[in-house]
Each structure stands twice: as C-alpha cells, then as structure tokens.
Protein backbone atom coordinates (compact mmCIF):
# COMPACT_ATOMS: atom_id res chain seq x y z
CA UNK A 1 0.01 0.00 0.01
CA UNK A 2 2.78 2.41 0.88
CA UNK A 3 4.43 2.04 -2.54
CA UNK A 4 1.07 2.59 -4.31
CA UNK A 5 0.50 5.72 -2.25
CA UNK A 6 3.96 7.07 -3.06
CA UNK A 7 3.40 6.33 -6.75
CA UNK A 8 0.00 8.09 -6.65
CA UNK A 9 1.47 11.18 -4.97
CA UNK A 10 4.22 11.30 -7.58
CA UNK A 11 1.71 10.96 -10.44
CA UNK A 12 -0.27 13.84 -8.99
CA UNK A 13 2.86 15.99 -9.09
CA UNK A 14 2.89 16.35 -5.31
CA UNK A 15 6.01 16.47 -3.18
CA UNK A 16 6.45 13.48 -0.89
CA UNK A 17 5.97 14.32 2.79
CA UNK A 18 9.12 13.87 4.84
CA UNK A 19 7.56 10.93 6.64
CA UNK A 20 7.48 8.94 3.37
CA UNK A 21 11.15 9.46 2.69
CA UNK A 22 12.12 7.85 6.02
CA UNK A 23 12.37 4.18 6.85
CA UNK A 24 9.25 2.44 8.24
CA UNK A 25 10.96 2.13 11.62
CA UNK A 26 9.80 5.59 12.61
CA UNK A 27 13.19 7.03 13.44
CA UNK A 28 12.83 10.33 15.22
CA UNK A 29 9.07 9.85 15.71
CA UNK A 30 7.96 11.51 18.91
CA UNK A 31 4.54 12.34 20.32
CA UNK A 32 5.17 16.01 19.59
CA UNK A 33 6.12 15.26 15.97
CA UNK A 34 3.04 13.10 15.47
CA UNK A 35 0.83 15.92 16.78
CA UNK A 36 2.56 18.56 14.67
CA UNK A 37 2.91 16.64 11.39
CA UNK A 38 0.49 13.72 11.32
CA UNK A 39 -2.56 14.67 13.36
CA UNK A 40 -5.17 17.34 13.85
CA UNK A 41 -5.13 18.37 17.49
CA UNK A 42 -7.14 21.31 18.77
CA UNK A 43 -10.56 22.76 19.42
CA UNK A 44 -13.52 22.36 17.06
CA UNK A 45 -12.72 25.50 15.03
CA UNK A 46 -9.12 24.47 14.43
CA UNK A 47 -10.18 20.91 13.60
CA UNK A 48 -12.79 21.96 11.04
CA UNK A 49 -10.35 24.37 9.36
CA UNK A 50 -7.55 21.78 9.28
CA UNK A 51 -9.75 18.99 7.92
CA UNK A 52 -11.18 21.24 5.22
CA UNK A 53 -7.66 22.30 4.22
CA UNK A 54 -6.51 18.69 4.09
CA UNK A 55 -9.56 17.67 2.08
CA UNK A 56 -8.96 20.47 -0.39
CA UNK A 57 -5.27 19.59 -0.73
CA UNK A 58 -5.81 15.85 -1.10
CA UNK A 59 -9.37 15.40 -2.37
CA UNK A 60 -10.07 13.17 0.64
CA UNK A 61 -13.73 12.44 1.28
CA UNK A 62 -13.44 10.36 4.46
CA UNK A 63 -11.92 10.92 7.91
CA UNK A 64 -10.34 8.37 10.18
CA UNK A 65 -10.54 9.68 13.73
CA UNK A 66 -8.43 8.11 16.45
CA UNK A 67 -9.55 9.64 19.69
CA UNK A 68 -7.97 7.27 22.21
CA UNK A 69 -4.29 8.03 22.09
CA UNK A 70 -1.86 7.44 24.88
CA UNK A 71 -3.29 7.00 28.31
CA UNK A 72 -6.18 9.48 28.15
CA UNK A 73 -8.90 8.67 30.66
CA UNK A 74 -12.10 7.26 29.10
CA UNK A 75 -14.21 10.29 30.11
CA UNK A 76 -11.93 12.59 28.09
CA UNK A 77 -11.97 10.29 25.08
CA UNK A 78 -15.77 10.10 25.18
CA UNK A 79 -16.05 13.89 25.50
CA UNK A 80 -13.74 14.31 22.47
CA UNK A 81 -15.87 11.91 20.47
CA UNK A 82 -19.08 13.74 21.45
CA UNK A 83 -17.58 17.11 20.65
CA UNK A 84 -16.35 15.87 17.25
CA UNK A 85 -19.80 14.46 16.44
CA UNK A 86 -21.62 17.59 17.69
CA UNK A 87 -19.35 20.42 16.47
CA UNK A 88 -17.14 19.08 13.66
CA UNK A 89 -19.01 16.46 11.68
CA UNK A 90 -22.04 18.63 10.80
CA UNK A 91 -19.73 21.33 9.40
CA UNK A 92 -17.87 18.81 7.23
CA UNK A 93 -20.94 16.92 6.05
CA UNK A 94 -21.77 19.39 3.27
CA UNK A 95 -18.13 20.11 2.33
CA UNK A 96 -17.19 18.47 -0.96
CA UNK A 97 -13.67 19.20 -2.20
CA UNK A 98 -12.71 18.59 -5.80
CA UNK A 99 -11.91 14.89 -6.08
CA UNK A 100 -8.61 13.54 -7.35
CA UNK A 101 -8.17 10.14 -8.93
CA UNK A 102 -8.09 7.41 -6.32
CA UNK A 103 -4.92 5.52 -5.47
CA UNK A 104 -6.32 2.30 -6.94
CA UNK A 105 -7.12 3.94 -10.32
CA UNK A 106 -4.13 6.26 -10.66
CA UNK A 107 -2.08 5.40 -13.69
CA UNK A 108 -4.56 2.82 -15.00
CA UNK A 109 -6.57 3.34 -18.16
C-alpha cells in the first residue's frame, strides 16, 4: 500500500511528505512530531479548518478519527468523540472538495 500511495502522490505531481522518505521504523518519531505533522489536534474551530484544508489539498472524502491516544482517561476520550460528532461532523458533512483520482485507479486506463 505504501508504494502505491507514493506512486500516486508522484503521479499527482505532489512532493512526498518527509515521513514517506524515512524508513518504516519511525526514526525520530515523537509524540510532539506526530501531533505537529500527522494529526489534527485542537478545538472544534481548528479541527474543522484543518480537515477542510487537508480535504482540499488531497481530495479526501473520508476521515479516520483516532480519539484514544496514549493514556487518556475514558471520560476525556468520550467527550472528544461527542464534541467531534456535535461540532465538527455537521460542518464537514456538506463540504465536498474537488476529487482527485483514487490511489487504486491512478495510472490505470
């Protein structure tokens, strides 16, 4: 999958993110780096803005939300999930970025 994704990015004329030029061992991967480069962390306003920007840049139409990271107590995880459902999802529901070819069809005629 990783090689297909890299090929798709290249075919789209996009620069490869630094994380894809590293080995799969995750050298130098810290919690701070994950939050800064690979996650959306923040309040509802920041999350909506970041997800819309990412959707516009990539053509993504789905979100994978991982709310239970680290050792967060269950009550905080549940509150994050409720807040995402209440404040973020409705604002993304009607947002439709321009779609790009999918990874599975890129380069195939």
